[in-house]
């Protein structure tokens, strides 16, 4: 745990820029991620990365030192949807982690992409996430765009940020959803009961999820939904659907754990 006390001459600076200046080797993206995970607090409270620091603010940073991971290319079969000189689009299978991390040092999408693209990947994602523009959970299958150069990475990231990229998800949920279509608008934040989970909370960030029924399966008490999101909060679809009483089948984190078909979490993105 590191502690920083804001001096008078530092007042008014954005906290993410301040911490980048204070800490050699850390990026603004890394700082913003730590703030989202509440690893960085100001006077004991969570703040946005745009927060402008004030004199005598006490900033605490809890930064886990990652174990060194040797990034290597691995010949792993991939379902390639599209490829050109700027990007590659793949259909990630469920069970595959997007990039290496502690506990998953290899066998990831990045390892597989490196074997295909060699050295032709954007470096913006860092050493462990080359080319990775956006991610989906390990047990979620779906289409991902991977940038082959920094220009393409920036362009794709801006399109996602500006909602120019449209994402559609399919989710098989427990229960017979009564509405043919509806919108869930509930704020999502870190759970106060379990810091590893997200939850609907009044102090969370705005989260908006739209869904419509594709098909109901009365004999199995489940419903297939098409889901679209306006915001991209962590675990948003899983949290929202569980909150309204229709947890995703196979989701052991936000569901009741029942899974009579013995299938993994069923969320697909396209």
Protein backbone atom coordinates (compact mmCIF):
# COMPACT_ATOMS: atom_id res chain seq x y z
CA UNK A 1 0.00 0.00 0.00
CA UNK A 2 1.39 3.40 -1.02
CA UNK A 3 0.18 6.74 0.27
CA UNK A 4 0.42 10.16 -1.40
CA UNK A 5 -0.44 13.51 0.21
CA UNK A 6 -1.39 16.26 -2.23
CA UNK A 7 0.66 19.45 -1.95
CA UNK A 8 -0.64 22.96 -2.61
CA UNK A 9 1.16 23.25 -5.96
CA UNK A 10 -0.46 20.02 -7.18
CA UNK A 11 -4.06 21.11 -6.56
CA UNK A 12 -6.40 20.88 -9.55
CA UNK A 13 -4.57 18.13 -11.42
CA UNK A 14 -6.48 15.05 -12.54
CA UNK A 15 -5.79 12.18 -10.18
CA UNK A 16 -4.86 9.73 -12.96
CA UNK A 17 -2.26 12.14 -14.36
CA UNK A 18 -0.98 12.89 -10.87
CA UNK A 19 -0.39 9.22 -10.11
CA UNK A 20 1.30 8.58 -13.46
CA UNK A 21 3.76 11.36 -12.56
CA UNK A 22 4.27 9.99 -9.07
CA UNK A 23 4.73 6.38 -10.15
CA UNK A 24 7.25 5.47 -12.81
CA UNK A 25 6.17 2.70 -15.15
CA UNK A 26 2.41 2.88 -14.58
CA UNK A 27 0.04 3.98 -17.35
CA UNK A 28 -3.12 6.06 -17.08
CA UNK A 29 -5.12 3.05 -18.25
CA UNK A 30 -3.65 0.99 -15.40
CA UNK A 31 -4.47 3.76 -12.91
CA UNK A 32 -8.04 3.99 -14.20
CA UNK A 33 -8.44 0.22 -13.88
CA UNK A 34 -7.17 0.31 -10.29
CA UNK A 35 -9.60 3.12 -9.50
CA UNK A 36 -12.50 1.17 -10.98
CA UNK A 37 -11.53 -1.79 -8.79
CA UNK A 38 -11.32 0.53 -5.75
CA UNK A 39 -7.61 -0.16 -5.32
CA UNK A 40 -7.07 3.61 -5.34
CA UNK A 41 -8.98 5.69 -2.79
CA UNK A 42 -9.06 9.40 -1.98
CA UNK A 43 -9.56 10.07 1.71
CA UNK A 44 -10.87 6.52 1.97
CA UNK A 45 -13.46 6.96 -0.80
CA UNK A 46 -13.73 5.81 -4.41
CA UNK A 47 -13.34 8.60 -6.97
CA UNK A 48 -13.53 8.91 -10.74
CA UNK A 49 -10.28 9.09 -12.69
CA UNK A 50 -11.25 12.64 -13.72
CA UNK A 51 -11.30 13.78 -10.07
CA UNK A 52 -9.21 16.93 -9.54
CA UNK A 53 -7.08 16.55 -6.45
CA UNK A 54 -7.27 19.00 -3.54
CA UNK A 55 -4.67 20.11 -1.03
CA UNK A 56 -4.01 17.54 1.72
CA UNK A 57 -5.98 14.82 -0.07
CA UNK A 58 -4.73 11.43 1.11
CA UNK A 59 -4.47 9.03 -1.82
CA UNK A 60 -3.87 5.35 -1.15
CA UNK A 61 -2.87 2.90 -3.86
CA UNK A 62 -2.95 -0.86 -3.50
CA UNK A 63 -1.10 -2.26 -6.48
CA UNK A 64 -0.63 -5.98 -6.74
CA UNK A 65 2.71 -6.95 -8.18
CA UNK A 66 1.94 -9.41 -10.95
CA UNK A 67 4.02 -12.51 -11.35
CA UNK A 68 6.16 -12.47 -14.43
CA UNK A 69 4.43 -14.20 -17.30
CA UNK A 70 6.33 -15.41 -20.33
CA UNK A 71 4.22 -14.50 -23.34
CA UNK A 72 4.63 -17.09 -26.07
CA UNK A 73 2.94 -17.95 -29.34
CA UNK A 74 0.95 -21.19 -29.27
CA UNK A 75 -0.69 -22.99 -32.15
CA UNK A 76 -4.25 -23.15 -30.87
CA UNK A 77 -7.13 -23.60 -33.36
CA UNK A 78 -9.18 -20.43 -33.78
CA UNK A 79 -12.41 -19.66 -35.63
CA UNK A 80 -11.31 -16.65 -37.72
CA UNK A 81 -14.27 -14.64 -39.01
CA UNK A 82 -12.35 -11.93 -40.86
CA UNK A 83 -8.78 -10.76 -41.36
CA UNK A 84 -6.98 -7.98 -43.23
CA UNK A 85 -3.81 -5.94 -42.76
CA UNK A 86 -5.37 -3.84 -39.98
CA UNK A 87 -7.30 -6.28 -37.82
CA UNK A 88 -8.39 -9.83 -37.21
CA UNK A 89 -11.85 -10.88 -35.99
CA UNK A 90 -12.21 -14.17 -34.13
CA UNK A 91 -15.02 -16.15 -32.55
CA UNK A 92 -13.69 -16.88 -29.06
CA UNK A 93 -14.96 -20.17 -27.65
CA UNK A 94 -16.26 -20.47 -24.11
CA UNK A 95 -13.60 -21.64 -21.70
CA UNK A 96 -10.81 -19.61 -23.33
CA UNK A 97 -9.26 -16.70 -21.42
CA UNK A 98 -8.61 -13.60 -23.54
CA UNK A 99 -5.14 -12.72 -22.26
CA UNK A 100 -2.56 -14.23 -19.87
CA UNK A 101 -2.80 -13.44 -16.17
CA UNK A 102 -1.92 -15.03 -12.87
CA UNK A 103 -3.55 -18.45 -12.90
CA UNK A 104 -3.81 -18.46 -16.71
CA UNK A 105 -0.24 -18.02 -18.00
CA UNK A 106 -0.90 -19.55 -21.43
CA UNK A 107 -3.51 -21.18 -23.63
CA UNK A 108 -5.21 -17.80 -24.09
CA UNK A 109 -6.56 -15.99 -27.12
CA UNK A 110 -3.46 -13.79 -27.14
CA UNK A 111 -1.18 -16.84 -27.28
CA UNK A 112 -3.17 -18.17 -30.24
CA UNK A 113 -3.28 -14.80 -32.04
CA UNK A 114 0.49 -14.38 -31.68
CA UNK A 115 1.06 -17.64 -33.55
CA UNK A 116 -1.08 -16.34 -36.42
CA UNK A 117 -0.01 -12.69 -36.56
CA UNK A 118 3.62 -13.07 -35.43
CA UNK A 119 4.90 -9.57 -34.56
CA UNK A 120 2.00 -7.81 -36.28
CA UNK A 121 -0.08 -6.76 -33.28
CA UNK A 122 -0.83 -3.42 -31.65
CA UNK A 123 1.31 -2.63 -28.62
CA UNK A 124 -1.26 -0.36 -26.96
CA UNK A 125 -2.68 -3.20 -24.88
CA UNK A 126 0.72 -3.69 -23.22
CA UNK A 127 3.03 -6.67 -23.19
CA UNK A 128 0.40 -9.07 -21.91
CA UNK A 129 -2.52 -7.75 -24.02
CA UNK A 130 -1.08 -7.04 -27.49
CA UNK A 131 -3.83 -6.14 -29.94
CA UNK A 132 -6.65 -6.63 -27.44
CA UNK A 133 -9.26 -3.91 -27.97
CA UNK A 134 -12.10 -5.35 -25.89
CA UNK A 135 -12.71 -8.48 -23.83
CA UNK A 136 -15.37 -10.96 -22.81
CA UNK A 137 -15.38 -13.36 -19.88
CA UNK A 138 -13.71 -16.76 -20.02
CA UNK A 139 -17.02 -18.65 -20.10
CA UNK A 140 -18.60 -16.31 -22.65
CA UNK A 141 -18.26 -17.15 -26.32
CA UNK A 142 -18.42 -14.50 -29.01
CA UNK A 143 -16.77 -12.30 -31.58
CA UNK A 144 -13.73 -10.18 -30.67
CA UNK A 145 -11.78 -7.65 -32.73
CA UNK A 146 -7.98 -7.68 -32.43
CA UNK A 147 -5.88 -4.78 -33.75
CA UNK A 148 -2.74 -5.45 -35.78
CA UNK A 149 -1.32 -1.95 -35.32
CA UNK A 150 -1.68 1.04 -32.99
CA UNK A 151 -3.64 3.14 -35.49
CA UNK A 152 -6.26 0.44 -35.87
CA UNK A 153 -6.36 -0.08 -32.08
CA UNK A 154 -7.04 3.61 -31.41
CA UNK A 155 -9.68 3.76 -34.15
CA UNK A 156 -11.52 0.67 -32.92
CA UNK A 157 -11.35 1.82 -29.30
CA UNK A 158 -12.87 5.18 -30.24
CA UNK A 159 -15.68 3.47 -32.15
CA UNK A 160 -16.50 1.33 -29.11
CA UNK A 161 -16.33 4.36 -26.80
CA UNK A 162 -18.67 6.35 -29.08
CA UNK A 163 -21.13 3.41 -29.34
CA UNK A 164 -20.49 3.09 -33.07
CA UNK A 165 -19.86 -0.63 -32.60
CA UNK A 166 -23.13 -2.46 -31.97
CA UNK A 167 -22.97 -5.53 -29.72
CA UNK A 168 -25.73 -8.11 -29.50
CA UNK A 169 -25.74 -10.88 -26.90
CA UNK A 170 -27.76 -14.08 -26.60
CA UNK A 171 -28.46 -15.33 -23.10
CA UNK A 172 -30.28 -18.42 -21.89
CA UNK A 173 -31.85 -17.56 -18.54
CA UNK A 174 -33.70 -19.51 -15.87
CA UNK A 175 -37.42 -18.80 -15.66
CA UNK A 176 -40.21 -17.76 -18.00
CA UNK A 177 -39.68 -14.09 -18.79
CA UNK A 178 -43.12 -12.47 -18.90
CA UNK A 179 -42.28 -9.33 -20.88
CA UNK A 180 -41.65 -9.69 -24.62
CA UNK A 181 -39.12 -6.89 -24.32
CA UNK A 182 -37.98 -4.51 -21.61
CA UNK A 183 -35.21 -2.23 -20.38
CA UNK A 184 -33.33 -2.64 -17.11
CA UNK A 185 -31.90 0.60 -15.75
CA UNK A 186 -30.16 -0.06 -12.44
CA UNK A 187 -26.79 1.30 -11.24
CA UNK A 188 -24.01 -1.25 -10.81
CA UNK A 189 -21.03 -1.07 -8.47
CA UNK A 190 -18.72 -3.23 -6.42
CA UNK A 191 -20.61 -5.45 -3.96
CA UNK A 192 -20.18 -4.43 -0.33
CA UNK A 193 -20.64 -8.04 0.75
CA UNK A 194 -18.15 -9.63 -1.66
CA UNK A 195 -15.50 -7.42 -3.25
CA UNK A 196 -15.00 -9.93 -6.06
CA UNK A 197 -18.59 -9.48 -7.21
CA UNK A 198 -20.62 -6.63 -8.68
CA UNK A 199 -24.11 -5.70 -7.54
CA UNK A 200 -26.99 -3.30 -8.10
CA UNK A 201 -26.27 -0.45 -5.70
CA UNK A 202 -27.53 3.10 -5.37
CA UNK A 203 -23.95 4.41 -5.38
CA UNK A 204 -22.98 2.48 -8.50
CA UNK A 205 -22.55 3.70 -12.07
CA UNK A 206 -25.48 4.01 -14.45
CA UNK A 207 -26.13 0.75 -16.28
CA UNK A 208 -28.73 0.19 -19.01
CA UNK A 209 -29.62 -3.19 -20.49
CA UNK A 210 -32.25 -3.87 -23.16
CA UNK A 211 -33.63 -7.34 -23.85
CA UNK A 212 -36.31 -9.08 -25.87
CA UNK A 213 -37.53 -12.64 -25.83
CA UNK A 214 -36.48 -14.87 -28.72
CA UNK A 215 -38.07 -18.08 -27.45
CA UNK A 216 -39.56 -19.50 -24.28
CA UNK A 217 -39.04 -23.13 -23.26
CA UNK A 218 -41.86 -24.00 -20.79
CA UNK A 219 -40.82 -27.64 -20.47
CA UNK A 220 -37.40 -26.57 -19.20
CA UNK A 221 -38.45 -23.35 -17.43
CA UNK A 222 -35.99 -21.17 -19.35
CA UNK A 223 -36.03 -18.32 -21.87
CA UNK A 224 -33.68 -17.35 -24.67
CA UNK A 225 -33.08 -13.59 -24.77
CA UNK A 226 -31.48 -11.16 -27.18
CA UNK A 227 -29.64 -8.56 -25.10
CA UNK A 228 -28.15 -5.18 -25.98
CA UNK A 229 -26.36 -2.85 -23.58
CA UNK A 230 -25.94 0.92 -23.64
CA UNK A 231 -23.25 0.84 -20.96
CA UNK A 232 -20.38 -1.55 -20.37
CA UNK A 233 -20.24 -2.18 -16.65
CA UNK A 234 -18.40 -5.21 -15.31
CA UNK A 235 -20.68 -8.30 -15.37
CA UNK A 236 -23.56 -5.99 -16.37
CA UNK A 237 -25.79 -8.53 -18.14
CA UNK A 238 -25.26 -11.19 -15.50
CA UNK A 239 -25.96 -8.79 -12.62
CA UNK A 240 -29.02 -7.17 -14.22
CA UNK A 241 -30.72 -10.41 -15.24
CA UNK A 242 -30.06 -11.99 -11.86
CA UNK A 243 -31.42 -8.90 -10.10
CA UNK A 244 -34.78 -9.14 -11.88
CA UNK A 245 -35.07 -12.85 -11.14
CA UNK A 246 -33.81 -14.42 -14.37
CA UNK A 247 -30.22 -15.55 -13.76
CA UNK A 248 -28.15 -16.89 -16.63
CA UNK A 249 -28.01 -20.66 -16.66
CA UNK A 250 -24.57 -21.96 -15.75
CA UNK A 251 -23.48 -18.72 -14.05
CA UNK A 252 -22.14 -19.90 -10.69
CA UNK A 253 -21.43 -16.34 -9.51
CA UNK A 254 -24.80 -14.65 -9.85
CA UNK A 255 -27.15 -17.62 -10.25
CA UNK A 256 -28.46 -20.11 -7.70
CA UNK A 257 -25.94 -22.69 -8.83
CA UNK A 258 -28.55 -25.07 -10.26
CA UNK A 259 -27.48 -26.44 -13.62
CA UNK A 260 -29.27 -29.67 -14.43
CA UNK A 261 -27.97 -29.67 -18.00
CA UNK A 262 -24.36 -29.35 -16.79
CA UNK A 263 -23.57 -26.55 -19.24
CA UNK A 264 -21.27 -23.59 -18.88
CA UNK A 265 -22.57 -20.05 -18.66
CA UNK A 266 -24.60 -19.37 -21.76
CA UNK A 267 -23.95 -15.88 -23.02
CA UNK A 268 -22.90 -15.38 -26.62
CA UNK A 269 -21.93 -12.11 -28.25
CA UNK A 270 -21.95 -11.09 -31.89
